[in-house]
Every structure is written in structure tokens, then in C-alpha cells.
Protein backbone atom coordinates (compact mmCIF):
# COMPACT_ATOMS: atom_id res chain seq x y z
CA ASN A 1 -15.09 9.98 25.22
CA ASP A 2 -12.19 11.91 26.74
CA GLY A 3 -10.50 12.75 23.40
CA THR A 4 -7.47 10.54 23.96
CA PHE A 5 -6.21 7.69 21.77
CA LYS A 6 -5.23 4.20 22.81
CA ILE A 7 -2.44 2.31 21.04
CA ILE A 8 -3.97 -0.88 19.68
CA GLN A 9 -0.87 -2.40 18.13
CA SER A 10 2.37 -1.04 16.76
CA ALA A 11 3.26 -1.78 13.16
CA ASN A 12 6.85 -1.40 12.01
CA GLY A 13 7.17 -3.47 8.87
CA GLY A 14 9.21 -6.16 10.56
CA GLY A 15 12.22 -3.91 10.99
CA VAL A 16 13.36 -0.54 9.77
CA GLY A 17 10.84 0.70 7.25
CA ILE A 18 8.74 3.69 6.36
CA LEU A 19 5.02 3.19 5.75
CA TYR A 20 4.45 3.81 2.02
CA ALA A 21 0.85 2.67 1.52
CA SER A 22 -2.24 1.36 3.25
CA LEU A 23 -4.53 -0.77 1.09
CA ASP A 24 -6.29 -4.14 0.91
CA VAL A 25 -3.84 -6.26 -1.11
CA ASN A 26 -5.62 -9.61 -0.72
CA GLY A 27 -9.31 -8.68 -0.97
CA ASP A 28 -10.27 -9.72 2.57
CA GLY A 29 -11.66 -6.31 3.48
CA ASN A 30 -8.83 -5.47 5.93
CA GLU A 31 -6.31 -2.71 5.32
CA ASP A 32 -2.77 -4.00 4.84
CA LEU A 33 0.43 -1.99 5.29
CA VAL A 34 3.20 -1.70 2.67
CA PHE A 35 6.62 -0.56 3.90
CA SER A 36 9.76 0.85 2.27
CA ASN A 37 11.74 -2.29 3.12
CA SER A 38 9.62 -4.32 0.63
CA LYS A 39 7.55 -5.88 3.42
CA ILE A 40 3.79 -6.09 3.89
CA GLN A 41 1.84 -6.55 7.11
CA MET A 42 -1.56 -8.07 6.35
CA GLY A 43 -4.44 -6.67 8.37
CA THR A 44 -6.17 -9.22 10.58
CA GLY A 45 -9.19 -7.05 11.46
CA GLY A 46 -9.88 -5.11 14.62
CA GLY A 47 -6.74 -2.99 14.21
CA GLY A 48 -4.32 -5.93 14.27
CA PHE A 49 -1.66 -6.95 11.77
CA ALA A 50 0.11 -10.22 11.02
CA THR A 51 3.89 -10.55 11.06
CA ALA A 52 5.51 -8.72 8.14
CA VAL A 53 6.33 -10.78 5.05
CA SER A 54 8.81 -9.92 2.30
CA THR A 55 7.56 -9.10 -1.19
CA SER A 56 9.07 -8.38 -4.58
CA LEU A 57 8.02 -4.72 -4.37
CA ALA A 58 10.83 -2.27 -5.03
CA LEU A 59 9.23 1.06 -4.19
CA THR A 60 11.72 3.91 -4.30
CA GLY A 61 9.72 6.61 -2.59
CA PRO A 62 6.31 7.76 -1.44
CA SER A 63 3.34 6.22 -3.15
CA SER A 64 -0.43 6.31 -3.30
CA SER A 65 -2.92 3.47 -3.29
CA ALA A 66 -6.12 2.96 -5.23
CA ASN A 67 -7.90 0.24 -7.17
CA ILE A 68 -6.89 1.42 -10.64
CA ASN A 69 -8.00 -1.64 -12.61
CA SER A 70 -11.42 -2.23 -10.93
CA ASP A 71 -10.67 -5.69 -9.56
CA ALA A 72 -11.06 -6.61 -5.87
CA PHE A 73 -7.43 -5.87 -4.94
CA GLY A 74 -5.58 -2.68 -4.04
CA ASP A 75 -2.93 -1.24 -6.35
CA ILE A 76 -0.02 1.12 -5.75
CA ILE A 77 1.16 4.07 -7.83
CA GLY A 78 4.81 4.69 -7.06
CA GLN A 79 6.82 7.86 -7.34
CA ASP A 80 9.11 5.83 -9.59
CA GLY A 81 6.58 6.13 -12.45
CA LYS A 82 5.28 2.57 -12.07
CA ALA A 83 1.89 1.08 -11.28
CA TYR A 84 1.94 -2.01 -9.09
CA THR A 85 -1.36 -3.82 -9.65
CA GLY A 86 -2.29 -6.31 -6.93
CA ASN A 87 -2.65 -10.00 -7.76
CA GLY A 88 -4.67 -10.74 -4.60
CA ASP A 89 -1.98 -12.71 -2.79
CA GLY A 90 0.36 -9.92 -1.71
CA SER A 91 2.26 -9.92 -5.00
CA PHE A 92 2.04 -7.26 -7.68
CA LYS A 93 2.35 -6.94 -11.45
CA VAL A 94 4.56 -3.99 -12.42
CA GLN A 95 3.56 -1.65 -15.24
CA THR A 96 5.54 1.39 -16.35
CA LEU A 97 3.45 4.54 -16.61
CA PRO A 98 3.90 7.00 -19.48
CA THR A 99 5.44 9.60 -17.16
CA GLN A 100 7.95 9.88 -14.33
CA PHE A 101 6.76 11.73 -11.23
CA SER A 102 9.17 14.33 -9.93
CA GLU A 103 7.35 15.47 -6.80
CA PHE A 104 7.46 13.89 -3.36
CA ILE A 105 3.73 13.19 -3.17
CA VAL A 106 1.76 10.99 -5.56
CA GLN A 107 -2.03 11.41 -5.40
CA VAL A 108 -4.58 9.25 -7.22
CA ALA A 109 -8.08 10.48 -8.08
CA ASP A 110 -10.81 9.99 -10.67
CA TYR A 111 -10.61 13.36 -12.40
CA ASN A 112 -13.14 12.69 -15.17
CA GLY A 113 -15.73 10.73 -13.16
CA ASP A 114 -15.69 7.57 -15.27
């Protein structure tokens, strides 16, 4: 290995968009990309991604991804104080969290080990 990287495929969210999260939204085991322009590119495996599709997501800033409800689908915690729990088909159920985040970075972790 010579220490260099090879571009496998570019991912741009189907237009102007900032990558907000990387998670498996449909439970197929491939990472999918969620962009600021409310689009998702589903991972096809091997580093590839399908054409971006529009979603009902309305993320307003940086976010973090985790499986917060222990189902098979990835979820998103937005800086807007909302949890977007994945339905397994690229859509999300929105839940308001009891606090509004004021920082630019949202980090999810299991702090109490449960």
C-alpha cells in the first residue's frame, strides 16, 4: 500500500447540499447519506450510492446519527432539538426532545451503559 486514496464515487446529494449524517436508514446493512437539502443517497454496497431521493426531513443544522430506539434502522438527532427516528423506508418520524441544542455539534453516546 502506497498510502494514497482512490476516489470510488462522488456523492453530492443530488445537487447543492452539505452532508449531515451517515447511517443505515433502510436496514440493508449499507451506510446511506443524508444531506442538508432534504435528500438521501442510499448506499448500494462497495462504496457506491444510488441517485439522491427527496425526503420530508427538514434538518436545520449539523446532526448526529445513532439507533436510539433499538430497532434495525438508523435515527438522527438534529441540532434543532428533534429526534428523527427511521421508519426503514427512508422516511422518519419526528419527535421533539426536551431540550434545544445551542452548539454546532451534536454527539450521541450511551452515557450510562444501558
